[in-house]
Protein backbone atom coordinates (compact mmCIF):
# COMPACT_ATOMS: atom_id res chain seq x y z
CA MET A 1 108.87 79.15 128.71
CA ALA A 2 108.03 78.86 125.16
CA ASN A 3 110.65 79.42 122.32
CA HIS A 4 110.56 82.28 120.45
CA VAL A 5 109.86 81.89 116.98
CA TYR A 6 110.90 85.66 115.21
CA PHE A 7 109.45 86.16 111.80
CA ASN A 8 109.27 88.72 109.19
CA ILE A 9 106.20 89.22 106.83
CA SER A 10 106.65 91.22 103.77
CA ILE A 11 103.04 92.18 101.89
CA GLU A 12 102.96 92.80 98.13
CA GLY A 13 100.23 94.39 96.09
CA LEU A 14 99.79 97.22 98.35
CA THR A 15 100.87 101.07 98.53
CA ASP A 16 102.56 101.85 101.79
CA GLU A 17 99.82 104.30 102.39
CA GLU A 18 97.24 101.50 102.03
CA PHE A 19 98.59 99.20 104.59
CA ASN A 20 99.74 101.88 106.99
CA SER A 21 96.16 103.23 107.11
CA SER A 22 95.23 99.66 108.86
CA VAL A 23 98.08 99.86 111.37
CA LYS A 24 96.70 101.06 114.73
CA MET A 25 99.39 102.66 117.34
CA VAL A 26 98.44 103.35 120.80
CA LYS A 27 99.85 105.88 123.56
CA GLY A 28 99.91 106.10 127.36
CA THR A 29 102.07 106.11 130.40
CA ARG A 30 103.96 103.50 132.11
CA ASN A 31 106.36 103.53 135.13
CA ASP A 32 109.83 102.49 135.19
CA TYR A 33 111.59 100.53 137.84
CA ASP A 34 111.81 103.27 140.00
CA GLY A 35 108.10 103.88 139.96
CA ASN A 36 108.70 107.41 137.78
CA PRO A 37 106.26 107.80 134.99
CA TYR A 38 107.24 108.10 131.54
CA ASP A 39 105.05 108.40 128.21
CA TYR A 40 105.13 105.52 125.50
CA GLU A 41 103.54 104.53 121.98
CA ASP A 42 103.32 101.32 120.70
CA TYR A 43 101.59 98.73 118.15
CA ALA A 44 98.40 98.11 119.39
CA GLU A 45 97.72 94.28 120.41
CA ILE A 46 96.83 92.04 117.39
CA GLU A 47 93.11 91.53 118.27
CA ASN A 48 92.80 95.74 117.93
CA GLN A 49 94.72 95.93 114.87
CA PRO A 50 92.54 97.28 111.94
CA PHE A 51 93.78 94.59 109.59
CA MET A 52 92.31 92.08 111.75
CA GLY A 53 89.05 93.59 111.20
CA SER A 54 87.42 90.86 109.41
CA VAL A 55 88.18 88.35 111.90
CA ASP A 56 85.54 87.09 114.63
CA LYS A 57 86.53 88.17 118.40
CA SER A 58 84.37 89.66 121.35
CA PHE A 59 85.96 91.48 124.17
CA ASP A 60 84.90 91.56 128.08
CA LYS A 61 83.46 94.85 129.61
CA ASP A 62 87.23 96.33 130.42
CA GLY A 63 87.90 95.90 126.73
CA TYR A 64 89.70 92.56 126.96
CA LEU A 65 89.64 89.57 124.47
CA GLN A 66 88.21 86.93 125.31
CA ASN A 67 89.15 83.57 125.32
CA SER A 68 92.11 85.16 124.08
CA TYR A 69 93.98 81.76 124.24
CA ASP A 70 92.20 79.89 121.73
CA TRP A 71 91.55 83.22 119.94
CA TYR A 72 95.69 83.56 119.14
CA CYS A 73 95.90 79.64 118.46
CA ARG A 74 93.16 79.99 115.62
CA GLU A 75 93.37 83.48 114.20
CA VAL A 76 97.25 84.00 114.77
CA GLY A 77 98.58 80.54 114.99
CA ALA A 78 100.53 80.86 118.44
CA LYS A 79 98.96 81.22 121.91
CA TRP A 80 100.95 84.61 121.66
CA CYS A 81 102.35 86.87 119.53
CA HIS A 82 104.59 90.37 119.99
CA LEU A 83 104.48 92.98 116.74
CA GLU A 84 108.11 94.81 116.70
CA GLU A 85 107.97 96.76 113.30
CA VAL A 86 104.74 97.21 111.30
CA GLN A 87 105.43 99.61 108.53
CA ASP A 88 105.21 99.62 104.70
CA GLY A 89 104.11 96.52 104.32
CA TYR A 90 106.27 94.86 106.69
CA ILE A 91 105.97 93.38 110.02
CA SER A 92 108.36 91.85 112.37
CA GLY A 93 108.01 90.37 115.79
CA TYR A 94 108.05 86.85 117.62
CA ALA A 95 105.21 84.16 118.44
CA ALA A 96 105.66 81.28 120.95
CA TRP A 97 106.53 77.80 119.72
CA ARG A 98 105.21 78.56 116.25
CA GLN A 99 105.58 81.04 112.98
CA PRO A 100 102.36 83.17 113.00
CA VAL A 101 100.45 81.27 109.53
CA GLU A 102 97.01 82.33 110.27
CA LEU A 103 98.14 85.66 111.25
CA VAL A 104 99.48 86.18 107.35
CA SER A 105 96.40 84.47 105.94
CA ASN A 106 94.12 86.82 107.93
CA ILE A 107 95.87 90.05 107.17
CA LEU A 108 95.75 88.87 103.51
CA GLU A 109 92.05 88.60 103.36
CA TYR A 110 91.55 91.74 104.89
CA PHE A 111 93.65 93.83 102.65
CA ALA A 112 92.53 91.40 99.46
CA ASN A 113 88.42 92.07 100.16
CA LYS A 114 88.95 95.82 101.12
CA TYR A 115 91.04 96.75 97.91
CA ASP A 116 89.21 94.03 95.87
CA ASP A 117 92.76 92.81 94.73
CA ASN A 118 95.15 90.41 94.77
CA VAL A 119 97.83 90.27 97.63
CA SER A 120 100.39 88.12 98.33
CA ALA A 121 102.88 87.59 101.29
CA THR A 122 106.35 85.87 102.25
CA MET A 123 107.25 84.90 105.85
CA THR A 124 110.90 83.83 107.09
CA TYR A 125 111.15 82.63 110.36
CA GLU A 126 113.25 81.24 112.79
CA ASP A 127 113.19 79.39 115.87
CA GLU A 128 115.44 80.94 118.77
CA PHE A 129 117.61 77.49 118.90
CA ARG A 130 117.17 77.02 115.15
CA ASN A 131 115.04 73.85 115.44
CA PHE A 132 113.48 75.20 112.85
CA MET A 133 113.97 77.81 110.39
CA GLY A 134 111.94 78.50 106.82
CA LYS A 135 110.31 80.80 104.21
CA GLN A 136 106.46 80.31 103.16
CA TYR A 137 104.64 82.15 100.05
CA PHE A 138 101.22 83.04 100.58
CA GLU A 139 98.68 84.71 97.71
CA THR A 140 94.91 85.58 97.66
CA GLU A 141 92.41 83.83 95.18
CA LYS A 142 89.10 85.27 94.40
CA TYR A 143 86.10 82.93 94.81
CA ASP A 144 82.77 84.80 96.14
CA ASP A 145 85.26 86.77 98.19
CA TRP A 146 88.98 86.80 98.38
CA GLU A 147 90.67 83.87 100.40
CA SER A 148 94.40 83.23 101.41
CA VAL A 149 96.30 80.26 100.15
CA GLU A 150 99.19 78.90 101.47
CA GLY A 151 101.86 78.32 99.16
CA ASP A 152 105.45 76.70 98.66
CA ILE A 153 107.17 76.25 101.98
CA TYR A 154 110.82 75.72 102.37
CA GLU A 155 112.54 74.49 105.62
CA THR A 156 115.72 73.67 107.36
CA ASP A 157 117.35 73.74 110.59
CA GLY A 158 120.42 74.35 112.76
CA GLU A 159 121.99 70.79 112.05
CA GLU A 160 121.85 71.37 108.40
CA LEU A 161 123.61 74.58 108.91
CA ILE A 162 126.15 72.65 110.58
CA GLU A 163 126.58 69.86 108.09
CA SER A 164 126.95 72.87 105.57
CA PHE A 165 129.91 74.32 107.37
CA ASN A 166 131.36 71.49 107.93
CA GLU A 167 131.73 70.77 104.25
CA MET A 168 132.72 73.97 103.70
CA TYR A 169 135.87 73.89 106.65
CA PRO A 170 136.78 70.19 107.21
CA SER A 171 139.60 71.01 108.94
CA ILE A 172 137.67 72.68 111.66
CA ASP A 173 136.54 69.88 114.27
CA THR A 174 133.14 70.87 115.47
CA THR A 175 132.71 67.76 117.54
CA VAL A 176 135.62 68.57 119.67
CA GLU A 177 134.70 69.27 123.10
CA ASP A 178 136.47 72.61 123.44
CA PHE A 179 134.71 73.64 120.44
CA ASP A 180 133.86 77.49 120.60
CA TRP A 181 131.28 78.16 117.87
CA HIS A 182 131.79 82.20 118.90
CA GLY A 183 135.75 81.83 118.18
CA GLU A 184 138.08 82.68 115.95
CA TYR A 185 139.55 79.57 113.57
CA LYS A 186 142.10 80.26 110.87
CA VAL A 187 142.15 78.34 107.68
CA GLU A 188 144.36 78.97 105.28
CA GLY A 189 145.11 82.18 106.79
CA GLU A 190 141.25 83.11 106.58
CA SER A 191 140.04 84.00 109.89
CA VAL A 192 136.73 82.22 110.13
CA TYR A 193 134.12 82.87 113.12
CA PRO A 194 131.91 79.54 112.88
CA SER A 195 128.80 81.49 114.51
CA GLU A 196 128.73 84.28 111.82
CA MET A 197 129.40 81.72 109.05
CA LEU A 198 126.01 79.86 110.49
CA ASP A 199 124.30 83.43 110.00
CA GLN A 200 125.70 83.94 106.64
CA LEU A 201 124.46 80.11 105.45
CA ALA A 202 120.85 80.86 107.11
CA ASP A 203 120.72 84.36 104.99
CA GLU A 204 121.83 82.62 101.82
CA PHE A 205 119.07 79.62 102.65
CA TRP A 206 116.32 82.35 102.60
CA GLU A 207 117.56 84.32 99.62
CA SER A 208 117.65 81.09 97.27
CA SER A 209 114.37 79.67 98.47
């Protein structure tokens, strides 16, 4: 099973209306586990989103994307990718194994060429086990057409966060067998929850990068 890589993309240079007009929703009916039908509304698959309108793709007679594995790896950057929120210049979701770099580039090129103006983006991402996490910047430049350019990238991982934690709280031994990352530890009368502190260190990394 592929590791989930969670990502958040913030796009700048567009109004909310310009962005939202290129986001497609789909409605339908599904059955729950008991076989009872219910109505749903969700984001269309990435290949059907207007903001991927500049990317070559082909569909079979039933409307399914052809060579979908190769297309997702090439145009999204992961063998699959699920969108959870797409609104007002903000996109969040999760992908397989890798952050969707090519997705960001394709989205920026679409909007930059549609409105003939520079568009930029910032993406934060995190492997579900914090094997890696990072922040990357993107922008567009005008040649014959607008093209996306990958900018600076900053990365860290769970081991580096743990090292920072150990430096902050040397009296807490994280190497003992019964150490509990979700437990409570007292340091000079202060309650310390290691897992929450790691989350805080991750947030500080993204904010300072």
